[in-house]
Amino acid sequence: MTDTPIPNRDGAVAAVRRFNRFYTRQIGLLDEKLLKSDFTLTEARVLYDLAHQSAPQTLTHLARDLLIDLGYLSRILKAFDTRGLIERSAAPGDGRQALFALTDAGRAAFAPLDRASQREIGDVIASLTPADTDRIVRSMQTIERLLGASKPSAAAVTLRPHRLGDLGWIAHRQAILYAEEYGWDETYEALSAEILIGFVRAHDPRRERGWIAEREGETIGSVFLMRGSDTVGKLRLLYVEPSARGLGVGRQLVDACIGFARRAGYRTLTLWTNDVLVPARRIYAAAGFTCVAAEPHHSFGKDLVGETWELAL
């Protein structure tokens, strides 16, 4: 299936608004009361936040977490207080600040709302295959990450061995990225596919390996170690997704490749790259590789300078 292209910013805005309308209908956010309860959506959000906090919270903290106007939140908490759903206490060291927490009655009021929400979402995804459910979850994680205020950390990145489906994806994804960033044509996709086909056909797992970098189940980079000779290993097809650059993913992949090459008994690790791939060249230099040869060539529809780099193991 091919995603519908978004031609410009106006098209992207329209697409986001269309999704918002669809999703609010899908989970009943247009209803006056949420999940046939006595609570509005905003009131339910406040209950949820209080139920999942490890300690009582101040009005300011709750407003910041929920992005709710202080006055509006104050009115909601006053109504909750009247109904016995929350309790107030003075903040330690500052009697002017009040702390808010759910009472037993508040937790009892929230529990059926929480169960109803679980059932509703369960019903929404019940008809989906496990693969489609996984796809939805990954897509939501991507939306949350890209639109969230915080940047993901390198600790969230994991490396795994390559598996079925990875190689075709890598040839496809690298070709698209290099076309977008450097204007390379389809002959690069052909080259990367040929390299990966050779890797599969002559794969020696004792001396060759592929690594896939993932974050929240999404592929964000890869690299391969392939046999050049009994003493020389080749680092090939390093790439990192633009959204993951700056997290040290490239260095993690290269370090994994170097470590395996040493354990496999290679004496030298070599790679071929092009002068325009500046971020990759920085990673190679930082890992101890040295450029030992450079030669102009015309490939992928561009005039380039190919470079051979080596690392003594």
C-alpha atoms as a PDB file:
ATOM      1  CA  MET A   1       0.000   0.000   0.000  1.00  0.00           C
ATOM      2  CA  THR A   2       1.309   3.462  -0.891  1.00  0.00           C
ATOM      3  CA  ASP A   3       0.687   6.388   1.437  1.00  0.00           C
ATOM      4  CA  THR A   4      -1.066   9.391  -0.074  1.00  0.00           C
ATOM      5  CA  PRO A   5       1.560  12.092  -0.696  1.00  0.00           C
ATOM      6  CA  ILE A   6       1.196  15.422   1.088  1.00  0.00           C
ATOM      7  CA  PRO A   7       2.169  18.070  -1.504  1.00  0.00           C
ATOM      8  CA  ASN A   8       2.659  21.079   0.767  1.00  0.00           C
ATOM      9  CA  ARG A   9       2.085  22.551   4.215  1.00  0.00           C
ATOM     10  CA  ASP A  10      -1.563  23.343   3.502  1.00  0.00           C
ATOM     11  CA  GLY A  11      -2.090  19.748   2.443  1.00  0.00           C
ATOM     12  CA  ALA A  12      -0.413  18.519   5.622  1.00  0.00           C
ATOM     13  CA  VAL A  13      -2.598  20.779   7.781  1.00  0.00           C
ATOM     14  CA  ALA A  14      -5.725  19.494   6.028  1.00  0.00           C
ATOM     15  CA  ALA A  15      -4.600  15.895   6.532  1.00  0.00           C
ATOM     16  CA  VAL A  16      -4.005  16.421  10.282  1.00  0.00           C
ATOM     17  CA  ARG A  17      -7.407  18.103  10.675  1.00  0.00           C
ATOM     18  CA  ARG A  18      -9.077  15.255   8.787  1.00  0.00           C
ATOM     19  CA  PHE A  19      -7.412  12.710  11.079  1.00  0.00           C
ATOM     20  CA  ASN A  20      -8.463  14.685  14.162  1.00  0.00           C
ATOM     21  CA  ARG A  21     -12.089  14.643  13.023  1.00  0.00           C
ATOM     22  CA  PHE A  22     -11.925  10.917  12.328  1.00  0.00           C
ATOM     23  CA  TYR A  23     -10.274  10.059  15.651  1.00  0.00           C
ATOM     24  CA  THR A  24     -12.560  12.156  17.827  1.00  0.00           C
ATOM     25  CA  ARG A  25     -15.566  10.414  16.252  1.00  0.00           C
ATOM     26  CA  GLN A  26     -13.891   7.016  16.548  1.00  0.00           C
ATOM     27  CA  ILE A  27     -13.430   7.158  20.325  1.00  0.00           C
ATOM     28  CA  GLY A  28     -16.482   9.251  21.186  1.00  0.00           C
ATOM     29  CA  LEU A  29     -14.789  12.491  22.194  1.00  0.00           C
ATOM     30  CA  LEU A  30     -17.686  14.508  20.780  1.00  0.00           C
ATOM     31  CA  ASP A  31     -20.087  13.101  23.372  1.00  0.00           C
ATOM     32  CA  GLU A  32     -21.064  15.520  26.109  1.00  0.00           C
ATOM     33  CA  LYS A  33     -20.022  12.996  28.763  1.00  0.00           C
ATOM     34  CA  LEU A  34     -17.109  10.605  28.336  1.00  0.00           C
ATOM     35  CA  LEU A  35     -17.857   6.874  28.124  1.00  0.00           C
ATOM     36  CA  LYS A  36     -21.416   7.377  29.411  1.00  0.00           C
ATOM     37  CA  SER A  37     -20.009   8.574  32.743  1.00  0.00           C
ATOM     38  CA  ASP A  38     -20.738  11.677  34.806  1.00  0.00           C
ATOM     39  CA  PHE A  39     -17.479  13.263  33.647  1.00  0.00           C
ATOM     40  CA  THR A  40     -16.509  15.403  30.686  1.00  0.00           C
ATOM     41  CA  LEU A  41     -13.348  14.598  28.746  1.00  0.00           C
ATOM     42  CA  THR A  42     -11.359  17.280  30.598  1.00  0.00           C
ATOM     43  CA  GLU A  43     -12.611  16.121  33.999  1.00  0.00           C
ATOM     44  CA  ALA A  44     -11.648  12.544  33.106  1.00  0.00           C
ATOM     45  CA  ARG A  45      -8.159  13.712  32.120  1.00  0.00           C
ATOM     46  CA  VAL A  46      -7.755  15.400  35.509  1.00  0.00           C
ATOM     47  CA  LEU A  47      -8.917  12.239  37.310  1.00  0.00           C
ATOM     48  CA  TYR A  48      -6.525  10.126  35.241  1.00  0.00           C
ATOM     49  CA  ASP A  49      -3.571  12.387  36.012  1.00  0.00           C
ATOM     50  CA  LEU A  50      -4.312  12.399  39.736  1.00  0.00           C
ATOM     51  CA  ALA A  51      -4.801   8.612  39.744  1.00  0.00           C
ATOM     52  CA  HIS A  52      -1.432   7.998  38.128  1.00  0.00           C
ATOM     53  CA  GLN A  53       0.687  10.467  40.101  1.00  0.00           C
ATOM     54  CA  SER A  54       2.973   8.934  42.710  1.00  0.00           C
ATOM     55  CA  ALA A  55       2.473  11.900  45.067  1.00  0.00           C
ATOM     56  CA  PRO A  56      -0.021  14.763  45.562  1.00  0.00           C
ATOM     57  CA  GLN A  57       0.337  17.563  42.994  1.00  0.00           C
ATOM     58  CA  THR A  58       0.013  21.335  43.075  1.00  0.00           C
ATOM     59  CA  LEU A  59      -2.466  23.231  40.919  1.00  0.00           C
ATOM     60  CA  THR A  60       0.387  24.659  38.847  1.00  0.00           C
ATOM     61  CA  HIS A  61       1.930  21.243  38.251  1.00  0.00           C
ATOM     62  CA  LEU A  62      -1.376  19.735  37.147  1.00  0.00           C
ATOM     63  CA  ALA A  63      -2.111  22.643  34.819  1.00  0.00           C
ATOM     64  CA  ARG A  64       1.328  22.340  33.225  1.00  0.00           C
ATOM     65  CA  ASP A  65       1.018  18.576  32.771  1.00  0.00           C
ATOM     66  CA  LEU A  66      -2.475  18.771  31.315  1.00  0.00           C
ATOM     67  CA  LEU A  67      -2.086  22.068  29.410  1.00  0.00           C
ATOM     68  CA  ILE A  68      -5.243  23.396  31.072  1.00  0.00           C
ATOM     69  CA  ASP A  69      -5.957  26.994  32.034  1.00  0.00           C
ATOM     70  CA  LEU A  70      -5.371  27.516  35.769  1.00  0.00           C
ATOM     71  CA  GLY A  71      -8.784  29.082  36.308  1.00  0.00           C
ATOM     72  CA  TYR A  72     -10.594  26.276  34.473  1.00  0.00           C
ATOM     73  CA  LEU A  73      -8.642  23.627  36.380  1.00  0.00           C
ATOM     74  CA  SER A  74      -9.340  25.371  39.683  1.00  0.00           C
ATOM     75  CA  ARG A  75     -13.084  25.183  38.990  1.00  0.00           C
ATOM     76  CA  ILE A  76     -12.855  21.474  38.165  1.00  0.00           C
ATOM     77  CA  LEU A  77     -10.949  20.755  41.368  1.00  0.00           C
ATOM     78  CA  LYS A  78     -13.446  22.765  43.401  1.00  0.00           C
ATOM     79  CA  ALA A  79     -16.278  20.647  41.964  1.00  0.00           C
ATOM     80  CA  PHE A  80     -14.308  17.471  42.742  1.00  0.00           C
ATOM     81  CA  ASP A  81     -13.729  18.712  46.290  1.00  0.00           C
ATOM     82  CA  THR A  82     -17.447  19.327  46.771  1.00  0.00           C
ATOM     83  CA  ARG A  83     -18.137  15.737  45.656  1.00  0.00           C
ATOM     84  CA  GLY A  84     -15.478  14.351  47.996  1.00  0.00           C
ATOM     85  CA  LEU A  85     -13.305  13.078  45.131  1.00  0.00           C
ATOM     86  CA  ILE A  86     -10.131  14.902  46.153  1.00  0.00           C
ATOM     87  CA  GLU A  87      -8.407  16.038  49.300  1.00  0.00           C
ATOM     88  CA  ARG A  88      -6.214  19.079  49.863  1.00  0.00           C
ATOM     89  CA  SER A  89      -3.113  19.393  51.994  1.00  0.00           C
ATOM     90  CA  ALA A  90      -0.510  22.094  52.521  1.00  0.00           C
ATOM     91  CA  ALA A  91       2.720  21.760  50.592  1.00  0.00           C
ATOM     92  CA  PRO A  92       5.712  21.092  52.889  1.00  0.00           C
ATOM     93  CA  GLY A  93       7.637  24.299  53.456  1.00  0.00           C
ATOM     94  CA  ASP A  94       5.045  26.474  51.683  1.00  0.00           C
ATOM     95  CA  GLY A  95       1.656  26.722  53.337  1.00  0.00           C
ATOM     96  CA  ARG A  96       0.405  28.920  50.503  1.00  0.00           C
ATOM     97  CA  GLN A  97       0.590  26.008  48.052  1.00  0.00           C
ATOM     98  CA  ALA A  98      -2.104  23.339  48.173  1.00  0.00           C
ATOM     99  CA  LEU A  99      -1.485  19.739  47.164  1.00  0.00           C
ATOM    100  CA  PHE A 100      -4.244  17.675  45.555  1.00  0.00           C
ATOM    101  CA  ALA A 101      -4.765  13.909  45.622  1.00  0.00           C
ATOM    102  CA  LEU A 102      -7.664  11.548  45.002  1.00  0.00           C
ATOM    103  CA  THR A 103      -9.622  10.274  47.966  1.00  0.00           C
ATOM    104  CA  ASP A 104     -10.850   6.685  48.173  1.00  0.00           C
ATOM    105  CA  ALA A 105     -14.117   7.976  46.727  1.00  0.00           C
ATOM    106  CA  GLY A 106     -12.184   9.620  43.890  1.00  0.00           C
ATOM    107  CA  ARG A 107     -10.398   6.383  43.062  1.00  0.00           C
ATOM    108  CA  ALA A 108     -13.688   4.509  43.214  1.00  0.00           C
ATOM    109  CA  ALA A 109     -15.182   7.037  40.768  1.00  0.00           C
ATOM    110  CA  PHE A 110     -12.201   6.739  38.423  1.00  0.00           C
ATOM    111  CA  ALA A 111     -12.002   2.922  38.387  1.00  0.00           C
ATOM    112  CA  PRO A 112     -15.108   2.227  36.234  1.00  0.00           C
ATOM    113  CA  LEU A 113     -14.114   5.049  33.892  1.00  0.00           C
ATOM    114  CA  ASP A 114     -10.675   3.482  33.480  1.00  0.00           C
ATOM    115  CA  ARG A 115     -12.198   0.029  32.850  1.00  0.00           C
ATOM    116  CA  ALA A 116     -14.652   1.449  30.312  1.00  0.00           C
ATOM    117  CA  SER A 117     -11.827   3.157  28.457  1.00  0.00           C
ATOM    118  CA  GLN A 118      -9.846  -0.089  28.365  1.00  0.00           C
ATOM    119  CA  ARG A 119     -12.874  -1.959  26.989  1.00  0.00           C
ATOM    120  CA  GLU A 120     -13.610   0.703  24.379  1.00  0.00           C
ATOM    121  CA  ILE A 121     -10.085   0.747  22.981  1.00  0.00           C
ATOM    122  CA  GLY A 122     -10.027  -3.039  23.132  1.00  0.00           C
ATOM    123  CA  ASP A 123     -13.194  -3.112  21.021  1.00  0.00           C
ATOM    124  CA  VAL A 124     -11.682  -0.639  18.530  1.00  0.00           C
ATOM    125  CA  ILE A 125      -8.682  -2.880  17.833  1.00  0.00           C
ATOM    126  CA  ALA A 126     -10.407  -6.244  18.315  1.00  0.00           C
ATOM    127  CA  SER A 127     -11.001  -6.797  14.603  1.00  0.00           C
ATOM    128  CA  LEU A 128      -7.401  -5.993  13.644  1.00  0.00           C
ATOM    129  CA  THR A 129      -4.731  -8.568  12.945  1.00  0.00           C
ATOM    130  CA  PRO A 130      -1.705  -8.562  15.269  1.00  0.00           C
ATOM    131  CA  ALA A 131       0.352  -7.021  12.455  1.00  0.00           C
ATOM    132  CA  ASP A 132      -2.159  -4.188  11.957  1.00  0.00           C
ATOM    133  CA  THR A 133      -2.369  -3.605  15.711  1.00  0.00           C
ATOM    134  CA  ASP A 134       1.428  -3.347  15.854  1.00  0.00           C
ATOM    135  CA  ARG A 135       1.366  -0.931  12.908  1.00  0.00           C
ATOM    136  CA  ILE A 136      -1.155   1.334  14.644  1.00  0.00           C
ATOM    137  CA  VAL A 137       0.822   1.330  17.888  1.00  0.00           C
ATOM    138  CA  ARG A 138       4.049   2.181  16.059  1.00  0.00           C
ATOM    139  CA  SER A 139       2.337   4.956  14.126  1.00  0.00           C
ATOM    140  CA  MET A 140       0.965   6.459  17.327  1.00  0.00           C
ATOM    141  CA  GLN A 141       4.388   6.258  18.956  1.00  0.00           C
ATOM    142  CA  THR A 142       5.850   8.057  15.949  1.00  0.00           C
ATOM    143  CA  ILE A 143       3.228  10.828  16.190  1.00  0.00           C
ATOM    144  CA  GLU A 144       3.861  11.179  19.921  1.00  0.00           C
ATOM    145  CA  ARG A 145       7.615  11.332  19.441  1.00  0.00           C
ATOM    146  CA  LEU A 146       7.586  13.806  16.541  1.00  0.00           C
ATOM    147  CA  LEU A 147       5.027  16.171  18.070  1.00  0.00           C
ATOM    148  CA  GLY A 148       6.210  15.814  21.670  1.00  0.00           C
ATOM    149  CA  ALA A 149       8.290  18.473  23.365  1.00  0.00           C
ATOM    150  CA  SER A 150      11.016  16.130  24.570  1.00  0.00           C
ATOM    151  CA  LYS A 151      13.673  14.600  22.379  1.00  0.00           C
ATOM    152  CA  PRO A 152      14.256  10.835  22.527  1.00  0.00           C
ATOM    153  CA  SER A 153      17.449   9.691  24.169  1.00  0.00           C
ATOM    154  CA  ALA A 154      20.114   7.358  22.856  1.00  0.00           C
ATOM    155  CA  ALA A 155      19.181   4.962  25.664  1.00  0.00           C
ATOM    156  CA  ALA A 156      15.916   4.265  23.840  1.00  0.00           C
ATOM    157  CA  VAL A 157      17.842   2.846  20.859  1.00  0.00           C
ATOM    158  CA  THR A 158      18.388  -0.914  20.561  1.00  0.00           C
ATOM    159  CA  LEU A 159      20.406  -2.947  18.049  1.00  0.00           C
ATOM    160  CA  ARG A 160      19.238  -6.326  16.801  1.00  0.00           C
ATOM    161  CA  PRO A 161      20.369  -8.796  14.117  1.00  0.00           C
ATOM    162  CA  HIS A 162      18.802  -8.448  10.677  1.00  0.00           C
ATOM    163  CA  ARG A 163      15.774 -10.633   9.947  1.00  0.00           C
ATOM    164  CA  LEU A 164      13.343 -11.426   7.154  1.00  0.00           C
ATOM    165  CA  GLY A 165      12.088  -8.277   5.422  1.00  0.00           C
ATOM    166  CA  ASP A 166      14.911  -6.009   6.598  1.00  0.00           C
ATOM    167  CA  LEU A 167      17.094  -6.208   3.499  1.00  0.00           C
ATOM    168  CA  GLY A 168      14.441  -5.106   1.014  1.00  0.00           C
ATOM    169  CA  TRP A 169      13.428  -2.309   3.361  1.00  0.00           C
ATOM    170  CA  ILE A 170      17.006  -1.067   3.685  1.00  0.00           C
ATOM    171  CA  ALA A 171      17.578  -0.940  -0.087  1.00  0.00           C
ATOM    172  CA  HIS A 172      14.254   0.892  -0.486  1.00  0.00           C
ATOM    173  CA  ARG A 173      14.758   3.329   2.394  1.00  0.00           C
ATOM    174  CA  GLN A 174      18.374   4.237   1.639  1.00  0.00           C
ATOM    175  CA  ALA A 175      17.508   4.889  -2.016  1.00  0.00           C
ATOM    176  CA  ILE A 176      14.735   7.294  -0.996  1.00  0.00           C
ATOM    177  CA  LEU A 177      16.869   9.129   1.568  1.00  0.00           C
ATOM    178  CA  TYR A 178      19.840   9.554  -0.733  1.00  0.00           C
ATOM    179  CA  ALA A 179      17.565  10.738  -3.535  1.00  0.00           C
ATOM    180  CA  GLU A 180      16.021  13.341  -1.204  1.00  0.00           C
ATOM    181  CA  GLU A 181      19.286  14.492   0.379  1.00  0.00           C
ATOM    182  CA  TYR A 182      21.815  14.164  -2.440  1.00  0.00           C
ATOM    183  CA  GLY A 183      19.786  13.788  -5.633  1.00  0.00           C
ATOM    184  CA  TRP A 184      21.055  10.267  -6.358  1.00  0.00           C
ATOM    185  CA  ASP A 185      19.129   8.262  -8.944  1.00  0.00           C
ATOM    186  CA  GLU A 186      17.797   4.690  -9.012  1.00  0.00           C
ATOM    187  CA  THR A 187      21.199   3.188  -9.792  1.00  0.00           C
ATOM    188  CA  TYR A 188      22.078   3.558  -6.097  1.00  0.00           C
ATOM    189  CA  GLU A 189      19.075   1.399  -5.194  1.00  0.00           C
ATOM    190  CA  ALA A 190      20.289  -1.180  -7.701  1.00  0.00           C
ATOM    191  CA  LEU A 191      23.773  -1.142  -6.157  1.00  0.00           C
ATOM    192  CA  SER A 192      22.547  -1.520  -2.571  1.00  0.00           C
ATOM    193  CA  ALA A 193      20.186  -4.326  -3.624  1.00  0.00           C
ATOM    194  CA  GLU A 194      23.059  -6.147  -5.346  1.00  0.00           C
ATOM    195  CA  ILE A 195      25.214  -5.818  -2.223  1.00  0.00           C
ATOM    196  CA  LEU A 196      22.456  -7.211  -0.017  1.00  0.00           C
ATOM    197  CA  ILE A 197      21.673 -10.046  -2.426  1.00  0.00           C
ATOM    198  CA  GLY A 198      25.338 -11.036  -2.304  1.00  0.00           C
ATOM    199  CA  PHE A 199      25.244 -10.877   1.485  1.00  0.00           C
ATOM    200  CA  VAL A 200      22.327 -13.330   1.637  1.00  0.00           C
ATOM    201  CA  ARG A 201      23.674 -15.756  -0.952  1.00  0.00           C
ATOM    202  CA  ALA A 202      27.128 -16.132   0.583  1.00  0.00           C
ATOM    203  CA  HIS A 203      26.329 -15.344   4.205  1.00  0.00           C
ATOM    204  CA  ASP A 204      28.753 -16.750   6.777  1.00  0.00           C
ATOM    205  CA  PRO A 205      27.193 -15.999  10.195  1.00  0.00           C
ATOM    206  CA  ARG A 206      30.523 -16.611  11.942  1.00  0.00           C
ATOM    207  CA  ARG A 207      32.191 -13.755  10.081  1.00  0.00           C
ATOM    208  CA  GLU A 208      29.335 -11.632   8.694  1.00  0.00           C
ATOM    209  CA  ARG A 209      26.430  -9.857  10.346  1.00  0.00           C
ATOM    210  CA  GLY A 210      23.858  -7.134   9.932  1.00  0.00           C
ATOM    211  CA  TRP A 211      22.637  -4.792  12.676  1.00  0.00           C
ATOM    212  CA  ILE A 212      19.307  -2.992  12.708  1.00  0.00           C
ATOM    213  CA  ALA A 213      18.870   0.006  15.020  1.00  0.00           C
ATOM    214  CA  GLU A 214      15.367   0.381  16.441  1.00  0.00           C
ATOM    215  CA  ARG A 215      13.548   2.900  18.604  1.00  0.00           C
ATOM    216  CA  GLU A 216      10.081   2.000  19.869  1.00  0.00           C
ATOM    217  CA  GLY A 217       9.892  -0.760  17.267  1.00  0.00           C
ATOM    218  CA  GLU A 218      10.770   1.537  14.347  1.00  0.00           C
ATOM    219  CA  THR A 219      13.823   0.941  12.161  1.00  0.00           C
ATOM    220  CA  ILE A 220      16.087   3.996  12.397  1.00  0.00           C
ATOM    221  CA  GLY A 221      19.353   2.719  10.941  1.00  0.00           C
ATOM    222  CA  SER A 222      21.500  -0.229   9.912  1.00  0.00           C
ATOM    223  CA  VAL A 223      24.984  -1.413   9.018  1.00  0.00           C
ATOM    224  CA  PHE A 224      26.520  -4.636   7.685  1.00  0.00           C
ATOM    225  CA  LEU A 225      29.833  -6.400   8.118  1.00  0.00           C
ATOM    226  CA  MET A 226      30.776  -8.502   5.100  1.00  0.00           C
ATOM    227  CA  ARG A 227      33.789 -10.646   4.318  1.00  0.00           C
ATOM    228  CA  GLY A 228      36.399  -9.166   2.022  1.00  0.00           C
ATOM    229  CA  SER A 229      39.051 -11.824   2.590  1.00  0.00           C
ATOM    230  CA  ASP A 230      40.273 -13.980   5.438  1.00  0.00           C
ATOM    231  CA  THR A 231      41.914 -10.936   7.036  1.00  0.00           C
ATOM    232  CA  VAL A 232      39.795  -8.037   5.743  1.00  0.00           C
ATOM    233  CA  GLY A 233      36.215  -7.243   6.689  1.00  0.00           C
ATOM    234  CA  LYS A 234      34.024  -4.689   4.927  1.00  0.00           C
ATOM    235  CA  LEU A 235      31.719  -2.232   6.666  1.00  0.00           C
ATOM    236  CA  ARG A 236      28.840  -1.580   4.267  1.00  0.00           C
ATOM    237  CA  LEU A 237      25.576   0.328   3.895  1.00  0.00           C
ATOM    238  CA  LEU A 238      25.646   2.391   7.081  1.00  0.00           C
ATOM    239  CA  TYR A 239      22.627   4.668   7.329  1.00  0.00           C
ATOM    240  CA  VAL A 240      20.684   6.528  10.035  1.00  0.00           C
ATOM    241  CA  GLU A 241      17.206   7.993   9.685  1.00  0.00           C
ATOM    242  CA  PRO A 242      17.130  11.826   9.758  1.00  0.00           C
ATOM    243  CA  SER A 243      14.817  11.758  12.797  1.00  0.00           C
ATOM    244  CA  ALA A 244      17.413   9.788  14.776  1.00  0.00           C
ATOM    245  CA  ARG A 245      20.533  11.749  13.887  1.00  0.00           C
ATOM    246  CA  GLY A 246      22.379  13.322  16.771  1.00  0.00           C
ATOM    247  CA  LEU A 247      21.559  10.435  19.129  1.00  0.00           C
ATOM    248  CA  GLY A 248      24.785   8.524  18.546  1.00  0.00           C
ATOM    249  CA  VAL A 249      23.012   5.799  16.546  1.00  0.00           C
ATOM    250  CA  GLY A 250      25.611   5.787  13.765  1.00  0.00           C
ATOM    251  CA  ARG A 251      28.435   5.421  16.270  1.00  0.00           C
ATOM    252  CA  GLN A 252      26.580   2.565  18.019  1.00  0.00           C
ATOM    253  CA  LEU A 253      26.228   0.744  14.716  1.00  0.00           C
ATOM    254  CA  VAL A 254      29.864   1.284  13.726  1.00  0.00           C
ATOM    255  CA  ASP A 255      31.105   0.229  17.179  1.00  0.00           C
ATOM    256  CA  ALA A 256      29.044  -2.969  16.960  1.00  0.00           C
ATOM    257  CA  CYS A 257      30.558  -3.675  13.568  1.00  0.00           C
ATOM    258  CA  ILE A 258      34.129  -3.053  14.793  1.00  0.00           C
ATOM    259  CA  GLY A 259      33.661  -5.240  17.881  1.00  0.00           C
ATOM    260  CA  PHE A 260      32.303  -8.134  15.845  1.00  0.00           C
ATOM    261  CA  ALA A 261      35.081  -7.773  13.239  1.00  0.00           C
ATOM    262  CA  ARG A 262      37.711  -8.100  15.976  1.00  0.00           C
ATOM    263  CA  ARG A 263      36.019 -11.172  17.473  1.00  0.00           C
ATOM    264  CA  ALA A 264      35.709 -12.713  13.992  1.00  0.00           C
ATOM    265  CA  GLY A 265      39.478 -12.484  13.529  1.00  0.00           C
ATOM    266  CA  TYR A 266      39.756  -9.805  10.869  1.00  0.00           C
ATOM    267  CA  ARG A 267      42.926  -7.726  10.935  1.00  0.00           C
ATOM    268  CA  THR A 268      41.613  -4.781   8.935  1.00  0.00           C
ATOM    269  CA  LEU A 269      38.176  -3.237   8.511  1.00  0.00           C
ATOM    270  CA  THR A 270      37.644  -1.299   5.307  1.00  0.00           C
ATOM    271  CA  LEU A 271      34.801   0.698   3.791  1.00  0.00           C
ATOM    272  CA  TRP A 272      34.002   2.686   0.669  1.00  0.00           C
ATOM    273  CA  THR A 273      32.060   5.939   0.875  1.00  0.00           C
ATOM    274  CA  ASN A 274      31.627   9.224  -0.976  1.00  0.00           C
ATOM    275  CA  ASP A 275      32.815  12.695  -0.057  1.00  0.00           C
ATOM    276  CA  VAL A 276      29.284  14.132   0.133  1.00  0.00           C
ATOM    277  CA  LEU A 277      28.311  11.762   2.959  1.00  0.00           C
ATOM    278  CA  VAL A 278      29.783  14.111   5.543  1.00  0.00           C
ATOM    279  CA  PRO A 279      27.945  12.845   8.675  1.00  0.00           C
ATOM    280  CA  ALA A 280      29.035   9.251   7.973  1.00  0.00           C
ATOM    281  CA  ARG A 281      32.617  10.327   7.320  1.00  0.00           C
ATOM    282  CA  ARG A 282      32.684  12.084  10.716  1.00  0.00           C
ATOM    283  CA  ILE A 283      31.562   8.853  12.393  1.00  0.00           C
ATOM    284  CA  TYR A 284      34.272   6.863  10.621  1.00  0.00           C
ATOM    285  CA  ALA A 285      36.957   9.353  11.599  1.00  0.00           C
ATOM    286  CA  ALA A 286      35.808   9.392  15.240  1.00  0.00           C
ATOM    287  CA  ALA A 287      35.951   5.571  15.295  1.00  0.00           C
ATOM    288  CA  GLY A 288      39.575   5.616  14.147  1.00  0.00           C
ATOM    289  CA  PHE A 289      39.221   4.979  10.415  1.00  0.00           C
ATOM    290  CA  THR A 290      41.616   6.739   8.051  1.00  0.00           C
ATOM    291  CA  CYS A 291      40.959   7.725   4.461  1.00  0.00           C
ATOM    292  CA  VAL A 292      43.640   5.911   2.418  1.00  0.00           C
ATOM    293  CA  ALA A 293      42.466   6.636  -1.144  1.00  0.00           C
ATOM    294  CA  ALA A 294      40.157   8.978  -3.052  1.00  0.00           C
ATOM    295  CA  GLU A 295      39.098   8.892  -6.708  1.00  0.00           C
ATOM    296  CA  PRO A 296      36.581  10.950  -8.726  1.00  0.00           C
ATOM    297  CA  HIS A 297      33.786   9.008 -10.405  1.00  0.00           C
ATOM    298  CA  HIS A 298      30.362   9.577 -11.946  1.00  0.00           C
ATOM    299  CA  SER A 299      27.737   7.404 -10.250  1.00  0.00           C
ATOM    300  CA  PHE A 300      24.097   7.619  -9.213  1.00  0.00           C
ATOM    301  CA  GLY A 301      23.640  10.513 -11.637  1.00  0.00           C
ATOM    302  CA  LYS A 302      26.249  12.706  -9.893  1.00  0.00           C
ATOM    303  CA  ASP A 303      29.926  13.604 -10.057  1.00  0.00           C
ATOM    304  CA  LEU A 304      31.369  12.291  -6.796  1.00  0.00           C
ATOM    305  CA  VAL A 305      34.640  11.503  -5.098  1.00  0.00           C
ATOM    306  CA  GLY A 306      34.782   7.952  -3.828  1.00  0.00           C
ATOM    307  CA  GLU A 307      36.886   7.283  -0.743  1.00  0.00           C
ATOM    308  CA  THR A 308      38.376   4.135   0.771  1.00  0.00           C
ATOM    309  CA  TRP A 309      38.780   4.162   4.547  1.00  0.00           C
ATOM    310  CA  GLU A 310      40.599   1.600   6.712  1.00  0.00           C
ATOM    311  CA  LEU A 311      40.876   0.696  10.372  1.00  0.00           C
ATOM    312  CA  ALA A 312      43.604  -1.581  11.729  1.00  0.00           C
ATOM    313  CA  LEU A 313      42.076  -4.028  14.213  1.00  0.00           C
END
